[in-house]
């Protein structure tokens, strides 16, 4: 069963910025591939997701996009088979 992805404004903003920057096309493609895999099965252990809790975001999972330390942060949505994409972020810039 596939999952529907809902995007928080912060995540949408990052996708828009990546789409507007041709030099970061590889990053955009890696993130899109990760989002496709999350749609298929967000709990597949091969994704390498890590679950944790923060005061700001609550319970959240981080899934690596496997390029330049980019991650997709998500948690369960308000309905079954819905994922809320909270943030897309590069963790280090080194």
C-alpha atoms as a PDB file:
ATOM      1  CA  UNK A   1       0.000   0.000   0.000  1.00  0.00           C
ATOM      2  CA  UNK A   2       1.329   3.430  -0.887  1.00  0.00           C
ATOM      3  CA  UNK A   3       1.433   6.455   1.377  1.00  0.00           C
ATOM      4  CA  UNK A   4       0.288   9.971   0.554  1.00  0.00           C
ATOM      5  CA  UNK A   5       2.848  12.694   1.242  1.00  0.00           C
ATOM      6  CA  UNK A   6       1.814  16.032   2.722  1.00  0.00           C
ATOM      7  CA  UNK A   7       4.419  18.814   2.825  1.00  0.00           C
ATOM      8  CA  UNK A   8       4.927  21.441   5.502  1.00  0.00           C
ATOM      9  CA  UNK A   9       5.721  24.915   4.082  1.00  0.00           C
ATOM     10  CA  UNK A  10       9.385  24.634   5.148  1.00  0.00           C
ATOM     11  CA  UNK A  11       9.835  21.417   3.155  1.00  0.00           C
ATOM     12  CA  UNK A  12       8.044  22.880   0.129  1.00  0.00           C
ATOM     13  CA  UNK A  13      10.288  25.940   0.266  1.00  0.00           C
ATOM     14  CA  UNK A  14      13.446  23.813   0.139  1.00  0.00           C
ATOM     15  CA  UNK A  15      12.119  21.818  -2.818  1.00  0.00           C
ATOM     16  CA  UNK A  16      11.322  25.082  -4.641  1.00  0.00           C
ATOM     17  CA  UNK A  17      14.850  26.383  -3.969  1.00  0.00           C
ATOM     18  CA  UNK A  18      16.424  23.160  -5.239  1.00  0.00           C
ATOM     19  CA  UNK A  19      14.240  23.179  -8.360  1.00  0.00           C
ATOM     20  CA  UNK A  20      15.332  26.761  -9.099  1.00  0.00           C
ATOM     21  CA  UNK A  21      19.062  25.960  -8.838  1.00  0.00           C
ATOM     22  CA  UNK A  22      20.347  23.876 -11.775  1.00  0.00           C
ATOM     23  CA  UNK A  23      23.654  23.296  -9.978  1.00  0.00           C
ATOM     24  CA  UNK A  24      21.842  21.301  -7.299  1.00  0.00           C
ATOM     25  CA  UNK A  25      19.940  19.047  -9.703  1.00  0.00           C
ATOM     26  CA  UNK A  26      21.685  15.937  -8.344  1.00  0.00           C
ATOM     27  CA  UNK A  27      20.503  16.820  -4.831  1.00  0.00           C
ATOM     28  CA  UNK A  28      16.942  17.375  -6.058  1.00  0.00           C
ATOM     29  CA  UNK A  29      16.927  14.017  -7.869  1.00  0.00           C
ATOM     30  CA  UNK A  30      18.222  12.214  -4.756  1.00  0.00           C
ATOM     31  CA  UNK A  31      15.555  13.824  -2.580  1.00  0.00           C
ATOM     32  CA  UNK A  32      12.823  12.999  -5.093  1.00  0.00           C
ATOM     33  CA  UNK A  33      14.039   9.379  -5.156  1.00  0.00           C
ATOM     34  CA  UNK A  34      13.915   9.287  -1.343  1.00  0.00           C
ATOM     35  CA  UNK A  35      10.388  10.726  -1.343  1.00  0.00           C
ATOM     36  CA  UNK A  36       9.322   8.057  -3.863  1.00  0.00           C
ATOM     37  CA  UNK A  37      10.702   5.333  -1.586  1.00  0.00           C
ATOM     38  CA  UNK A  38       8.928   6.842   1.421  1.00  0.00           C
ATOM     39  CA  UNK A  39       5.672   6.732  -0.548  1.00  0.00           C
ATOM     40  CA  UNK A  40       6.171   3.019  -1.159  1.00  0.00           C
ATOM     41  CA  UNK A  41       7.100   1.973   2.393  1.00  0.00           C
ATOM     42  CA  UNK A  42       8.396   4.524   4.909  1.00  0.00           C
ATOM     43  CA  UNK A  43       9.192   1.766   7.407  1.00  0.00           C
ATOM     44  CA  UNK A  44      11.468  -0.254   5.117  1.00  0.00           C
ATOM     45  CA  UNK A  45      14.708  -0.735   7.104  1.00  0.00           C
ATOM     46  CA  UNK A  46      16.756  -0.348   3.912  1.00  0.00           C
ATOM     47  CA  UNK A  47      15.918   3.369   3.935  1.00  0.00           C
ATOM     48  CA  UNK A  48      18.120   3.877   6.979  1.00  0.00           C
ATOM     49  CA  UNK A  49      15.601   6.081   8.776  1.00  0.00           C
ATOM     50  CA  UNK A  50      16.241   7.107  12.354  1.00  0.00           C
ATOM     51  CA  UNK A  51      13.351   7.941  14.690  1.00  0.00           C
ATOM     52  CA  UNK A  52      13.739  10.446  17.517  1.00  0.00           C
ATOM     53  CA  UNK A  53      11.865  13.101  19.502  1.00  0.00           C
ATOM     54  CA  UNK A  54      12.412  16.857  19.678  1.00  0.00           C
ATOM     55  CA  UNK A  55      10.489  19.543  21.528  1.00  0.00           C
ATOM     56  CA  UNK A  56       9.934  21.485  18.277  1.00  0.00           C
ATOM     57  CA  UNK A  57       8.944  18.645  15.974  1.00  0.00           C
ATOM     58  CA  UNK A  58       7.724  15.954  18.354  1.00  0.00           C
ATOM     59  CA  UNK A  59       8.242  12.384  17.162  1.00  0.00           C
ATOM     60  CA  UNK A  60      10.025  12.515  13.826  1.00  0.00           C
ATOM     61  CA  UNK A  61      12.032  10.259  11.539  1.00  0.00           C
ATOM     62  CA  UNK A  62      15.019  11.301   9.455  1.00  0.00           C
ATOM     63  CA  UNK A  63      15.688   9.464   6.209  1.00  0.00           C
ATOM     64  CA  UNK A  64      18.981  10.082   4.394  1.00  0.00           C
ATOM     65  CA  UNK A  65      18.762  11.146   0.758  1.00  0.00           C
ATOM     66  CA  UNK A  66      22.215   9.591   0.305  1.00  0.00           C
ATOM     67  CA  UNK A  67      23.829  12.707  -1.112  1.00  0.00           C
ATOM     68  CA  UNK A  68      25.821  15.422   0.682  1.00  0.00           C
ATOM     69  CA  UNK A  69      24.231  14.804   4.121  1.00  0.00           C
ATOM     70  CA  UNK A  70      20.721  15.727   2.958  1.00  0.00           C
ATOM     71  CA  UNK A  71      17.836  14.283   4.973  1.00  0.00           C
ATOM     72  CA  UNK A  72      14.060  14.163   4.733  1.00  0.00           C
ATOM     73  CA  UNK A  73      12.378  14.637   8.136  1.00  0.00           C
ATOM     74  CA  UNK A  74       8.876  13.217   8.460  1.00  0.00           C
ATOM     75  CA  UNK A  75       6.273  11.795  10.806  1.00  0.00           C
ATOM     76  CA  UNK A  76       2.930  10.091  10.532  1.00  0.00           C
ATOM     77  CA  UNK A  77       0.168  12.243   9.149  1.00  0.00           C
ATOM     78  CA  UNK A  78      -3.266  12.893  10.600  1.00  0.00           C
ATOM     79  CA  UNK A  79      -4.800   9.909   8.783  1.00  0.00           C
ATOM     80  CA  UNK A  80      -3.681   6.334   8.058  1.00  0.00           C
ATOM     81  CA  UNK A  81      -1.212   5.988   5.176  1.00  0.00           C
ATOM     82  CA  UNK A  82      -0.347   9.680   5.205  1.00  0.00           C
ATOM     83  CA  UNK A  83       3.147  11.030   5.892  1.00  0.00           C
ATOM     84  CA  UNK A  84       3.816  14.610   6.872  1.00  0.00           C
ATOM     85  CA  UNK A  85       7.105  15.808   5.341  1.00  0.00           C
ATOM     86  CA  UNK A  86       8.245  18.263   7.972  1.00  0.00           C
ATOM     87  CA  UNK A  87      11.620  19.416   6.655  1.00  0.00           C
ATOM     88  CA  UNK A  88      14.247  18.715   4.028  1.00  0.00           C
ATOM     89  CA  UNK A  89      17.661  19.728   5.275  1.00  0.00           C
ATOM     90  CA  UNK A  90      21.381  19.362   4.659  1.00  0.00           C
ATOM     91  CA  UNK A  91      22.926  18.567   8.037  1.00  0.00           C
ATOM     92  CA  UNK A  92      26.468  19.661   7.260  1.00  0.00           C
ATOM     93  CA  UNK A  93      27.965  21.894   4.636  1.00  0.00           C
ATOM     94  CA  UNK A  94      31.527  20.561   4.776  1.00  0.00           C
END
